[in-house]
Amino acid sequence: MSYNRQRMIDLILNESKKIEERCDGYRQEVLNAIVDILNAEREHKSQRTQIQQKVNEMCHSTGDFLARQRGDTDNPTTEAAK
């Protein structure tokens, strides 16, 4: 793994520790979304996938997680959650 790539990963991991834990598991859920977005970006570079749509879905999924954990089922962020 290149130095820059490892440095980016270290930076993301360190910064993720600063995320406010809005509910149990929120910090990990956000970190998982970041990893998924980075993987989608890597896939997009080689296959030209619909990156914006994938990123939007991942962000909505994380928002849905927060809403579910807080019991706010009246305000889901994705159509599937409605």
Protein backbone atom coordinates (compact mmCIF):
# COMPACT_ATOMS: atom_id res chain seq x y z
CA MET A 1 0.00 0.00 0.00
CA SER A 2 1.38 3.39 -0.92
CA TYR A 3 2.37 5.89 1.74
CA ASN A 4 -0.30 8.40 0.66
CA ARG A 5 -3.02 5.77 0.73
CA GLN A 6 -2.00 4.60 4.20
CA ARG A 7 -1.85 8.19 5.40
CA MET A 8 -5.36 8.83 4.08
CA ILE A 9 -6.67 5.73 5.86
CA ASP A 10 -4.98 6.76 9.10
CA LEU A 11 -6.44 10.25 8.79
CA ILE A 12 -9.95 8.91 8.21
CA LEU A 13 -9.70 6.54 11.16
CA ASN A 14 -8.39 9.27 13.46
CA GLU A 15 -10.99 11.80 12.36
CA SER A 16 -13.79 9.26 12.68
CA LYS A 17 -13.03 9.03 16.39
CA LYS A 18 -14.14 12.67 16.66
CA ILE A 19 -17.62 11.98 15.25
CA GLU A 20 -20.34 12.64 17.79
CA GLU A 21 -21.93 9.35 18.88
CA ARG A 22 -25.53 10.42 18.27
CA CYS A 23 -26.77 6.94 19.12
CA ASP A 24 -25.26 3.52 19.77
CA GLY A 25 -23.30 2.42 16.71
CA TYR A 26 -23.53 5.74 14.85
CA ARG A 27 -19.79 6.37 14.67
CA GLN A 28 -19.19 2.89 13.24
CA GLU A 29 -22.07 3.30 10.79
CA VAL A 30 -20.55 6.54 9.47
CA LEU A 31 -17.12 4.91 9.20
CA ASN A 32 -18.66 2.01 7.28
CA ALA A 33 -20.31 4.49 4.91
CA ILE A 34 -16.97 6.22 4.33
CA VAL A 35 -15.33 2.90 3.52
CA ASP A 36 -18.19 2.02 1.15
CA ILE A 37 -17.87 5.40 -0.59
CA LEU A 38 -14.11 4.96 -1.02
CA ASN A 39 -14.67 1.48 -2.45
CA ALA A 40 -17.37 2.80 -4.79
CA GLU A 41 -15.00 5.54 -5.94
CA ARG A 42 -12.29 2.98 -6.70
CA GLU A 43 -14.83 0.89 -8.64
CA HIS A 44 -16.00 4.02 -10.47
CA LYS A 45 -12.47 4.74 -11.69
CA SER A 46 -12.21 1.35 -13.36
CA GLN A 47 -15.81 0.70 -14.45
CA ARG A 48 -17.41 4.15 -14.71
CA THR A 49 -20.30 3.28 -12.41
CA GLN A 50 -23.01 5.72 -11.30
CA ILE A 51 -20.96 7.10 -8.41
CA GLN A 52 -23.26 9.98 -7.45
CA GLN A 53 -26.25 7.66 -7.12
CA LYS A 54 -24.24 5.19 -5.01
CA VAL A 55 -22.94 7.93 -2.70
CA ASN A 56 -26.46 9.31 -2.26
CA GLU A 57 -27.76 5.84 -1.38
CA MET A 58 -24.99 5.32 1.19
CA CYS A 59 -25.66 8.71 2.78
CA HIS A 60 -29.39 8.03 2.94
CA SER A 61 -28.74 4.61 4.43
CA THR A 62 -26.66 6.16 7.20
CA GLY A 63 -29.40 8.73 7.81
CA ASP A 64 -31.97 5.94 7.98
CA PHE A 65 -29.82 4.14 10.55
CA LEU A 66 -29.80 7.25 12.72
CA ALA A 67 -33.55 7.72 12.32
CA ARG A 68 -34.24 4.08 13.24
CA GLN A 69 -31.97 4.23 16.26
CA ARG A 70 -33.70 7.38 17.46
CA GLY A 71 -37.13 5.90 16.79
CA ASP A 72 -37.93 8.52 14.15
CA THR A 73 -39.68 6.21 11.70
CA ASP A 74 -41.90 9.04 10.43
CA ASN A 75 -38.94 10.70 8.66
CA PRO A 76 -36.99 8.09 6.68
CA THR A 77 -34.58 9.40 4.08
CA THR A 78 -35.08 6.70 1.45
CA GLU A 79 -38.13 5.51 -0.40
CA ALA A 80 -37.51 1.93 0.77
CA ALA A 81 -37.74 3.02 4.39
CA LYS A 82 -41.12 4.72 3.87
